[in-house]
Amino acid sequence: METIGAYEAKTHLPKLLNRVSRGEKIIITKHGVPVATLQPPERVHNSSPKQVIAELRAFRRRHRLKGLTIREMIDEGRR
Protein backbone atom coordinates (compact mmCIF):
# COMPACT_ATOMS: atom_id res chain seq x y z
CA MET A 1 0.00 0.00 0.00
CA GLU A 2 1.51 3.32 -1.08
CA THR A 3 1.46 6.50 1.00
CA ILE A 4 1.07 9.88 -0.71
CA GLY A 5 0.82 13.45 0.56
CA ALA A 6 -2.46 15.36 0.31
CA TYR A 7 -1.08 18.00 -2.07
CA GLU A 8 0.27 15.37 -4.44
CA ALA A 9 -2.98 13.40 -4.17
CA LYS A 10 -4.96 16.50 -5.13
CA THR A 11 -2.63 17.19 -8.05
CA HIS A 12 -2.71 13.62 -9.38
CA LEU A 13 -6.21 12.49 -8.39
CA PRO A 14 -7.25 11.15 -11.83
CA LYS A 15 -4.14 8.95 -12.00
CA LEU A 16 -4.69 7.76 -8.43
CA LEU A 17 -8.32 6.88 -9.18
CA ASN A 18 -7.19 4.82 -12.17
CA ARG A 19 -4.80 2.90 -9.93
CA VAL A 20 -7.51 2.38 -7.32
CA SER A 21 -9.90 1.11 -9.99
CA ARG A 22 -7.29 -1.59 -10.69
CA GLY A 23 -7.41 -2.70 -7.06
CA GLU A 24 -4.66 -0.66 -5.37
CA LYS A 25 -5.05 0.96 -1.95
CA ILE A 26 -3.41 4.34 -1.33
CA ILE A 27 -3.04 6.11 2.02
CA ILE A 28 -3.24 9.91 1.90
CA THR A 29 -1.31 11.82 4.55
CA LYS A 30 -1.31 15.41 5.76
CA HIS A 31 1.96 16.51 7.33
CA GLY A 32 2.96 12.84 7.54
CA VAL A 33 -0.20 11.77 9.39
CA PRO A 34 -2.60 9.36 7.61
CA VAL A 35 -5.96 11.08 7.05
CA ALA A 36 -7.66 8.99 4.36
CA THR A 37 -7.47 5.81 2.33
CA LEU A 38 -8.34 5.54 -1.34
CA GLN A 39 -9.49 2.03 -2.08
CA PRO A 40 -11.95 0.21 -4.29
CA PRO A 41 -15.45 -0.24 -2.86
CA GLU A 42 -16.04 -3.38 -0.82
CA ARG A 43 -18.50 -4.70 -3.35
CA VAL A 44 -20.80 -3.36 -6.00
CA HIS A 45 -24.41 -4.11 -5.21
CA ASN A 46 -26.45 -4.60 -8.36
CA SER A 47 -30.08 -5.32 -7.58
CA SER A 48 -32.84 -5.76 -10.06
CA PRO A 49 -35.66 -3.19 -9.90
CA LYS A 50 -38.07 -5.98 -8.89
CA GLN A 51 -35.84 -6.92 -5.96
CA VAL A 52 -35.56 -3.29 -4.81
CA ILE A 53 -39.34 -2.83 -4.97
CA ALA A 54 -39.87 -6.04 -2.98
CA GLU A 55 -37.39 -4.85 -0.32
CA LEU A 56 -39.13 -1.45 -0.08
CA ARG A 57 -42.51 -3.11 0.34
CA ALA A 58 -41.13 -5.39 3.07
CA PHE A 59 -39.63 -2.35 4.83
CA ARG A 60 -42.98 -0.54 4.68
CA ARG A 61 -44.74 -3.56 6.22
CA ARG A 62 -42.31 -3.54 9.16
CA HIS A 63 -42.31 0.25 9.70
CA ARG A 64 -45.66 1.95 10.15
CA LEU A 65 -46.33 5.68 10.40
CA LYS A 66 -48.76 5.24 13.31
CA GLY A 67 -51.26 7.78 11.98
CA LEU A 68 -48.75 10.41 10.86
CA THR A 69 -49.23 12.05 7.50
CA ILE A 70 -46.46 13.01 5.14
CA ARG A 71 -47.31 16.69 5.78
CA GLU A 72 -46.89 16.20 9.54
CA MET A 73 -43.51 14.56 9.06
CA ILE A 74 -42.36 17.38 6.75
CA ASP A 75 -43.48 19.99 9.26
CA GLU A 76 -41.76 18.07 12.09
CA GLY A 77 -38.52 18.08 10.11
CA ARG A 78 -38.65 21.86 9.73
CA ARG A 79 -38.62 22.56 13.45
PDB file of N, CA and C in Angstrom:
ATOM      1  N   MET A   1       0.860  -1.170   0.000  1.00  0.00           N
ATOM      2  CA  MET A   1       0.000   0.000   0.000  1.00  0.00           C
ATOM      3  C   MET A   1       0.908   1.236   0.000  1.00  0.00           C
ATOM      4  N   GLU A   2       0.690   2.113  -0.941  1.00  0.00           N
ATOM      5  CA  GLU A   2       1.505   3.321  -1.076  1.00  0.00           C
ATOM      6  C   GLU A   2       0.947   4.447  -0.215  1.00  0.00           C
ATOM      7  N   THR A   3       1.836   5.313   0.243  1.00  0.00           N
ATOM      8  CA  THR A   3       1.464   6.504   1.000  1.00  0.00           C
ATOM      9  C   THR A   3       1.804   7.722   0.157  1.00  0.00           C
ATOM     10  N   ILE A   4       0.874   8.690   0.121  1.00  0.00           N
ATOM     11  CA  ILE A   4       1.071   9.878  -0.707  1.00  0.00           C
ATOM     12  C   ILE A   4       0.564  11.098   0.055  1.00  0.00           C
ATOM     13  N   GLY A   5       1.229  12.223  -0.108  1.00  0.00           N
ATOM     14  CA  GLY A   5       0.824  13.454   0.558  1.00  0.00           C
ATOM     15  C   GLY A   5      -0.447  14.026  -0.042  1.00  0.00           C
ATOM     16  N   ALA A   6      -1.180  14.805   0.746  1.00  0.00           N
ATOM     17  CA  ALA A   6      -2.462  15.357   0.315  1.00  0.00           C
ATOM     18  C   ALA A   6      -2.312  16.261  -0.915  1.00  0.00           C
ATOM     19  N   TYR A   7      -1.271  17.094  -0.935  1.00  0.00           N
ATOM     20  CA  TYR A   7      -1.082  17.997  -2.075  1.00  0.00           C
ATOM     21  C   TYR A   7      -0.848  17.195  -3.351  1.00  0.00           C
ATOM     22  N   GLU A   8       0.003  16.199  -3.264  1.00  0.00           N
ATOM     23  CA  GLU A   8       0.274  15.367  -4.436  1.00  0.00           C
ATOM     24  C   GLU A   8      -0.979  14.589  -4.850  1.00  0.00           C
ATOM     25  N   ALA A   9      -1.743  14.125  -3.864  1.00  0.00           N
ATOM     26  CA  ALA A   9      -2.980  13.403  -4.170  1.00  0.00           C
ATOM     27  C   ALA A   9      -3.959  14.305  -4.916  1.00  0.00           C
ATOM     28  N   LYS A  10      -4.060  15.551  -4.468  1.00  0.00           N
ATOM     29  CA  LYS A  10      -4.959  16.500  -5.130  1.00  0.00           C
ATOM     30  C   LYS A  10      -4.491  16.750  -6.563  1.00  0.00           C
ATOM     31  N   THR A  11      -3.187  16.890  -6.737  1.00  0.00           N
ATOM     32  CA  THR A  11      -2.627  17.190  -8.046  1.00  0.00           C
ATOM     33  C   THR A  11      -2.793  16.023  -9.018  1.00  0.00           C
ATOM     34  N   HIS A  12      -2.701  14.808  -8.514  1.00  0.00           N
ATOM     35  CA  HIS A  12      -2.713  13.624  -9.377  1.00  0.00           C
ATOM     36  C   HIS A  12      -3.935  12.733  -9.152  1.00  0.00           C
ATOM     37  N   LEU A  13      -5.034  13.303  -8.717  1.00  0.00           N
ATOM     38  CA  LEU A  13      -6.212  12.493  -8.386  1.00  0.00           C
ATOM     39  C   LEU A  13      -6.680  11.593  -9.531  1.00  0.00           C
ATOM     40  N   PRO A  14      -6.800  12.074 -10.772  1.00  0.00           N
ATOM     41  CA  PRO A  14      -7.253  11.148 -11.826  1.00  0.00           C
ATOM     42  C   PRO A  14      -6.365   9.915 -11.973  1.00  0.00           C
ATOM     43  N   LYS A  15      -5.055  10.100 -11.889  1.00  0.00           N
ATOM     44  CA  LYS A  15      -4.140   8.948 -11.995  1.00  0.00           C
ATOM     45  C   LYS A  15      -4.322   8.010 -10.808  1.00  0.00           C
ATOM     46  N   LEU A  16      -4.496   8.589  -9.617  1.00  0.00           N
ATOM     47  CA  LEU A  16      -4.691   7.755  -8.427  1.00  0.00           C
ATOM     48  C   LEU A  16      -5.985   6.953  -8.533  1.00  0.00           C
ATOM     49  N   LEU A  17      -7.050   7.592  -9.035  1.00  0.00           N
ATOM     50  CA  LEU A  17      -8.319   6.883  -9.183  1.00  0.00           C
ATOM     51  C   LEU A  17      -8.197   5.729 -10.180  1.00  0.00           C
ATOM     52  N   ASN A  18      -7.418   5.919 -11.232  1.00  0.00           N
ATOM     53  CA  ASN A  18      -7.190   4.815 -12.170  1.00  0.00           C
ATOM     54  C   ASN A  18      -6.497   3.651 -11.478  1.00  0.00           C
ATOM     55  N   ARG A  19      -5.503   3.958 -10.652  1.00  0.00           N
ATOM     56  CA  ARG A  19      -4.800   2.904  -9.927  1.00  0.00           C
ATOM     57  C   ARG A  19      -5.732   2.186  -8.949  1.00  0.00           C
ATOM     58  N   VAL A  20      -6.559   2.962  -8.270  1.00  0.00           N
ATOM     59  CA  VAL A  20      -7.506   2.378  -7.317  1.00  0.00           C
ATOM     60  C   VAL A  20      -8.513   1.492  -8.043  1.00  0.00           C
ATOM     61  N   SER A  21      -8.941   1.924  -9.230  1.00  0.00           N
ATOM     62  CA  SER A  21      -9.901   1.106  -9.989  1.00  0.00           C
ATOM     63  C   SER A  21      -9.303  -0.235 -10.392  1.00  0.00           C
ATOM     64  N   ARG A  22      -7.967  -0.322 -10.393  1.00  0.00           N
ATOM     65  CA  ARG A  22      -7.291  -1.594 -10.692  1.00  0.00           C
ATOM     66  C   ARG A  22      -7.025  -2.402  -9.431  1.00  0.00           C
ATOM     67  N   GLY A  23      -7.511  -1.913  -8.286  1.00  0.00           N
ATOM     68  CA  GLY A  23      -7.405  -2.701  -7.059  1.00  0.00           C
ATOM     69  C   GLY A  23      -6.397  -2.216  -6.030  1.00  0.00           C
ATOM     70  N   GLU A  24      -5.652  -1.154  -6.328  1.00  0.00           N
ATOM     71  CA  GLU A  24      -4.655  -0.659  -5.371  1.00  0.00           C
ATOM     72  C   GLU A  24      -5.321   0.102  -4.228  1.00  0.00           C
ATOM     73  N   LYS A  25      -4.651   0.136  -3.083  1.00  0.00           N
ATOM     74  CA  LYS A  25      -5.049   0.961  -1.949  1.00  0.00           C
ATOM     75  C   LYS A  25      -3.969   2.000  -1.730  1.00  0.00           C
ATOM     76  N   ILE A  26      -4.358   3.243  -1.499  1.00  0.00           N
ATOM     77  CA  ILE A  26      -3.412   4.339  -1.332  1.00  0.00           C
ATOM     78  C   ILE A  26      -3.787   5.118  -0.084  1.00  0.00           C
ATOM     79  N   ILE A  27      -2.816   5.316   0.806  1.00  0.00           N
ATOM     80  CA  ILE A  27      -3.045   6.106   2.017  1.00  0.00           C
ATOM     81  C   ILE A  27      -2.654   7.548   1.725  1.00  0.00           C
ATOM     82  N   ILE A  28      -3.516   8.490   2.072  1.00  0.00           N
ATOM     83  CA  ILE A  28      -3.238   9.914   1.900  1.00  0.00           C
ATOM     84  C   ILE A  28      -2.879  10.493   3.263  1.00  0.00           C
ATOM     85  N   THR A  29      -1.769  11.232   3.289  1.00  0.00           N
ATOM     86  CA  THR A  29      -1.305  11.819   4.548  1.00  0.00           C
ATOM     87  C   THR A  29      -1.341  13.336   4.479  1.00  0.00           C
ATOM     88  N   LYS A  30      -1.419  13.953   5.637  1.00  0.00           N
ATOM     89  CA  LYS A  30      -1.314  15.405   5.764  1.00  0.00           C
ATOM     90  C   LYS A  30      -0.266  15.658   6.835  1.00  0.00           C
ATOM     91  N   HIS A  31       0.823  16.279   6.438  1.00  0.00           N
ATOM     92  CA  HIS A  31       1.956  16.508   7.333  1.00  0.00           C
ATOM     93  C   HIS A  31       2.456  15.191   7.936  1.00  0.00           C
ATOM     94  N   GLY A  32       2.451  14.133   7.111  1.00  0.00           N
ATOM     95  CA  GLY A  32       2.956  12.840   7.540  1.00  0.00           C
ATOM     96  C   GLY A  32       1.987  11.980   8.330  1.00  0.00           C
ATOM     97  N   VAL A  33       0.790  12.505   8.604  1.00  0.00           N
ATOM     98  CA  VAL A  33      -0.197  11.768   9.391  1.00  0.00           C
ATOM     99  C   VAL A  33      -1.283  11.222   8.451  1.00  0.00           C
ATOM    100  N   PRO A  34      -1.550   9.915   8.471  1.00  0.00           N
ATOM    101  CA  PRO A  34      -2.601   9.363   7.606  1.00  0.00           C
ATOM    102  C   PRO A  34      -3.964   9.996   7.914  1.00  0.00           C
ATOM    103  N   VAL A  35      -4.652  10.463   6.863  1.00  0.00           N
ATOM    104  CA  VAL A  35      -5.965  11.081   7.050  1.00  0.00           C
ATOM    105  C   VAL A  35      -7.056  10.408   6.218  1.00  0.00           C
ATOM    106  N   ALA A  36      -6.655   9.627   5.206  1.00  0.00           N
ATOM    107  CA  ALA A  36      -7.662   8.988   4.360  1.00  0.00           C
ATOM    108  C   ALA A  36      -7.036   7.810   3.623  1.00  0.00           C
ATOM    109  N   THR A  37      -7.902   6.933   3.150  1.00  0.00           N
ATOM    110  CA  THR A  37      -7.468   5.808   2.330  1.00  0.00           C
ATOM    111  C   THR A  37      -8.306   5.785   1.067  1.00  0.00           C
ATOM    112  N   LEU A  38      -7.642   5.760  -0.071  1.00  0.00           N
ATOM    113  CA  LEU A  38      -8.340   5.544  -1.343  1.00  0.00           C
ATOM    114  C   LEU A  38      -8.289   4.054  -1.616  1.00  0.00           C
ATOM    115  N   GLN A  39      -9.444   3.462  -1.796  1.00  0.00           N
ATOM    116  CA  GLN A  39      -9.494   2.026  -2.075  1.00  0.00           C
ATOM    117  C   GLN A  39     -10.757   1.714  -2.838  1.00  0.00           C
ATOM    118  N   PRO A  40     -10.744   0.598  -3.557  1.00  0.00           N
ATOM    119  CA  PRO A  40     -11.953   0.210  -4.286  1.00  0.00           C
ATOM    120  C   PRO A  40     -13.089  -0.070  -3.301  1.00  0.00           C
ATOM    121  N   PRO A  41     -14.327   0.075  -3.747  1.00  0.00           N
ATOM    122  CA  PRO A  41     -15.447  -0.243  -2.862  1.00  0.00           C
ATOM    123  C   PRO A  41     -15.428  -1.715  -2.484  1.00  0.00           C
ATOM    124  N   GLU A  42     -15.996  -1.993  -1.307  1.00  0.00           N
ATOM    125  CA  GLU A  42     -16.036  -3.381  -0.815  1.00  0.00           C
ATOM    126  C   GLU A  42     -16.680  -4.311  -1.839  1.00  0.00           C
ATOM    127  N   ARG A  43     -17.826  -3.914  -2.309  1.00  0.00           N
ATOM    128  CA  ARG A  43     -18.503  -4.695  -3.347  1.00  0.00           C
ATOM    129  C   ARG A  43     -19.508  -3.787  -4.037  1.00  0.00           C
ATOM    130  N   VAL A  44     -19.786  -4.096  -5.253  1.00  0.00           N
ATOM    131  CA  VAL A  44     -20.796  -3.356  -6.004  1.00  0.00           C
ATOM    132  C   VAL A  44     -22.090  -4.134  -5.881  1.00  0.00           C
ATOM    133  N   HIS A  45     -23.138  -3.447  -5.440  1.00  0.00           N
ATOM    134  CA  HIS A  45     -24.413  -4.106  -5.213  1.00  0.00           C
ATOM    135  C   HIS A  45     -25.346  -3.793  -6.368  1.00  0.00           C
ATOM    136  N   ASN A  46     -25.542  -4.776  -7.219  1.00  0.00           N
ATOM    137  CA  ASN A  46     -26.453  -4.602  -8.356  1.00  0.00           C
ATOM    138  C   ASN A  46     -27.728  -5.381  -8.083  1.00  0.00           C
ATOM    139  N   SER A  47     -28.796  -4.676  -7.823  1.00  0.00           N
ATOM    140  CA  SER A  47     -30.082  -5.315  -7.576  1.00  0.00           C
ATOM    141  C   SER A  47     -31.009  -5.022  -8.736  1.00  0.00           C
ATOM    142  N   SER A  48     -31.850  -5.983  -9.009  1.00  0.00           N
ATOM    143  CA  SER A  48     -32.842  -5.761 -10.057  1.00  0.00           C
ATOM    144  C   SER A  48     -33.921  -4.830  -9.504  1.00  0.00           C
ATOM    145  N   PRO A  49     -34.567  -4.070 -10.372  1.00  0.00           N
ATOM    146  CA  PRO A  49     -35.655  -3.195  -9.904  1.00  0.00           C
ATOM    147  C   PRO A  49     -36.734  -3.963  -9.141  1.00  0.00           C
ATOM    148  N   LYS A  50     -37.051  -5.175  -9.579  1.00  0.00           N
ATOM    149  CA  LYS A  50     -38.074  -5.977  -8.886  1.00  0.00           C
ATOM    150  C   LYS A  50     -37.637  -6.302  -7.464  1.00  0.00           C
ATOM    151  N   GLN A  51     -36.353  -6.605  -7.291  1.00  0.00           N
ATOM    152  CA  GLN A  51     -35.840  -6.919  -5.959  1.00  0.00           C
ATOM    153  C   GLN A  51     -35.890  -5.686  -5.062  1.00  0.00           C
ATOM    154  N   VAL A  52     -35.529  -4.530  -5.594  1.00  0.00           N
ATOM    155  CA  VAL A  52     -35.558  -3.293  -4.813  1.00  0.00           C
ATOM    156  C   VAL A  52     -36.984  -2.970  -4.389  1.00  0.00           C
ATOM    157  N   ILE A  53     -37.941  -3.100  -5.294  1.00  0.00           N
ATOM    158  CA  ILE A  53     -39.344  -2.826  -4.971  1.00  0.00           C
ATOM    159  C   ILE A  53     -39.833  -3.787  -3.895  1.00  0.00           C
ATOM    160  N   ALA A  54     -39.471  -5.054  -3.987  1.00  0.00           N
ATOM    161  CA  ALA A  54     -39.872  -6.041  -2.977  1.00  0.00           C
ATOM    162  C   ALA A  54     -39.283  -5.682  -1.615  1.00  0.00           C
ATOM    163  N   GLU A  55     -38.014  -5.237  -1.586  1.00  0.00           N
ATOM    164  CA  GLU A  55     -37.387  -4.846  -0.320  1.00  0.00           C
ATOM    165  C   GLU A  55     -38.056  -3.603   0.271  1.00  0.00           C
ATOM    166  N   LEU A  56     -38.422  -2.650  -0.565  1.00  0.00           N
ATOM    167  CA  LEU A  56     -39.125  -1.452  -0.081  1.00  0.00           C
ATOM    168  C   LEU A  56     -40.491  -1.815   0.500  1.00  0.00           C
ATOM    169  N   ARG A  57     -41.202  -2.694  -0.167  1.00  0.00           N
ATOM    170  CA  ARG A  57     -42.512  -3.115   0.340  1.00  0.00           C
ATOM    171  C   ARG A  57     -42.370  -3.846   1.679  1.00  0.00           C
ATOM    172  N   ALA A  58     -41.364  -4.686   1.804  1.00  0.00           N
ATOM    173  CA  ALA A  58     -41.130  -5.392   3.066  1.00  0.00           C
ATOM    174  C   ALA A  58     -40.781  -4.391   4.164  1.00  0.00           C
ATOM    175  N   PHE A  59     -39.978  -3.386   3.852  1.00  0.00           N
ATOM    176  CA  PHE A  59     -39.633  -2.348   4.827  1.00  0.00           C
ATOM    177  C   PHE A  59     -40.881  -1.611   5.283  1.00  0.00           C
ATOM    178  N   ARG A  60     -41.744  -1.264   4.340  1.00  0.00           N
ATOM    179  CA  ARG A  60     -42.979  -0.541   4.682  1.00  0.00           C
ATOM    180  C   ARG A  60     -43.894  -1.376   5.573  1.00  0.00           C
ATOM    181  N   ARG A  61     -43.910  -2.701   5.366  1.00  0.00           N
ATOM    182  CA  ARG A  61     -44.744  -3.560   6.215  1.00  0.00           C
ATOM    183  C   ARG A  61     -44.216  -3.582   7.654  1.00  0.00           C
ATOM    184  N   ARG A  62     -42.913  -3.493   7.817  1.00  0.00           N
ATOM    185  CA  ARG A  62     -42.312  -3.541   9.159  1.00  0.00           C
ATOM    186  C   ARG A  62     -42.303  -2.186   9.861  1.00  0.00           C
ATOM    187  N   HIS A  63     -42.415  -1.094   9.123  1.00  0.00           N
ATOM    188  CA  HIS A  63     -42.312   0.247   9.699  1.00  0.00           C
ATOM    189  C   HIS A  63     -43.568   1.049   9.358  1.00  0.00           C
ATOM    190  N   ARG A  64     -44.408   1.223  10.332  1.00  0.00           N
ATOM    191  CA  ARG A  64     -45.662   1.946  10.146  1.00  0.00           C
ATOM    192  C   ARG A  64     -45.534   3.385  10.615  1.00  0.00           C
ATOM    193  N   LEU A  65     -46.366   4.260  10.058  1.00  0.00           N
ATOM    194  CA  LEU A  65     -46.332   5.677  10.404  1.00  0.00           C
ATOM    195  C   LEU A  65     -47.173   6.009  11.626  1.00  0.00           C
ATOM    196  N   LYS A  66     -47.952   5.064  12.097  1.00  0.00           N
ATOM    197  CA  LYS A  66     -48.762   5.239  13.308  1.00  0.00           C
ATOM    198  C   LYS A  66     -49.634   6.494  13.241  1.00  0.00           C
ATOM    199  N   GLY A  67     -50.317   6.666  12.115  1.00  0.00           N
ATOM    200  CA  GLY A  67     -51.260   7.776  11.982  1.00  0.00           C
ATOM    201  C   GLY A  67     -50.677   9.079  11.478  1.00  0.00           C
ATOM    202  N   LEU A  68     -49.360   9.186  11.363  1.00  0.00           N
ATOM    203  CA  LEU A  68     -48.753  10.415  10.860  1.00  0.00           C
ATOM    204  C   LEU A  68     -48.982  10.556   9.361  1.00  0.00           C
ATOM    205  N   THR A  69     -49.139  11.796   8.934  1.00  0.00           N
ATOM    206  CA  THR A  69     -49.228  12.052   7.503  1.00  0.00           C
ATOM    207  C   THR A  69     -47.871  12.542   7.013  1.00  0.00           C
ATOM    208  N   ILE A  70     -47.703  12.509   5.719  1.00  0.00           N
ATOM    209  CA  ILE A  70     -46.463  13.012   5.137  1.00  0.00           C
ATOM    210  C   ILE A  70     -46.288  14.483   5.503  1.00  0.00           C
ATOM    211  N   ARG A  71     -47.358  15.264   5.450  1.00  0.00           N
ATOM    212  CA  ARG A  71     -47.307  16.694   5.778  1.00  0.00           C
ATOM    213  C   ARG A  71     -46.825  16.885   7.214  1.00  0.00           C
ATOM    214  N   GLU A  72     -47.319  16.084   8.146  1.00  0.00           N
ATOM    215  CA  GLU A  72     -46.894  16.203   9.539  1.00  0.00           C
ATOM    216  C   GLU A  72     -45.403  15.895   9.702  1.00  0.00           C
ATOM    217  N   MET A  73     -44.934  14.899   8.969  1.00  0.00           N
ATOM    218  CA  MET A  73     -43.513  14.564   9.055  1.00  0.00           C
ATOM    219  C   MET A  73     -42.640  15.676   8.448  1.00  0.00           C
ATOM    220  N   ILE A  74     -43.097  16.269   7.343  1.00  0.00           N
ATOM    221  CA  ILE A  74     -42.356  17.381   6.755  1.00  0.00           C
ATOM    222  C   ILE A  74     -42.300  18.546   7.725  1.00  0.00           C
ATOM    223  N   ASP A  75     -43.448  18.881   8.321  1.00  0.00           N
ATOM    224  CA  ASP A  75     -43.479  19.990   9.263  1.00  0.00           C
ATOM    225  C   ASP A  75     -42.602  19.694  10.482  1.00  0.00           C
ATOM    226  N   GLU A  76     -42.596  18.464  10.954  1.00  0.00           N
ATOM    227  CA  GLU A  76     -41.760  18.070  12.091  1.00  0.00           C
ATOM    228  C   GLU A  76     -40.274  18.261  11.762  1.00  0.00           C
ATOM    229  N   GLY A  77     -39.909  17.939  10.524  1.00  0.00           N
ATOM    230  CA  GLY A  77     -38.523  18.076  10.114  1.00  0.00           C
ATOM    231  C   GLY A  77     -38.063  19.520   9.998  1.00  0.00           C
ATOM    232  N   ARG A  78     -38.998  20.450   9.878  1.00  0.00           N
ATOM    233  CA  ARG A  78     -38.650  21.864   9.725  1.00  0.00           C
ATOM    234  C   ARG A  78     -38.463  22.573  11.062  1.00  0.00           C
ATOM    235  N   ARG A  79     -38.765  21.913  12.146  1.00  0.00           N
ATOM    236  CA  ARG A  79     -38.625  22.555  13.445  1.00  0.00           C
ATOM    237  C   ARG A  79     -37.223  22.572  13.936  1.00  0.00           C
TER     238      ARG A  79
END
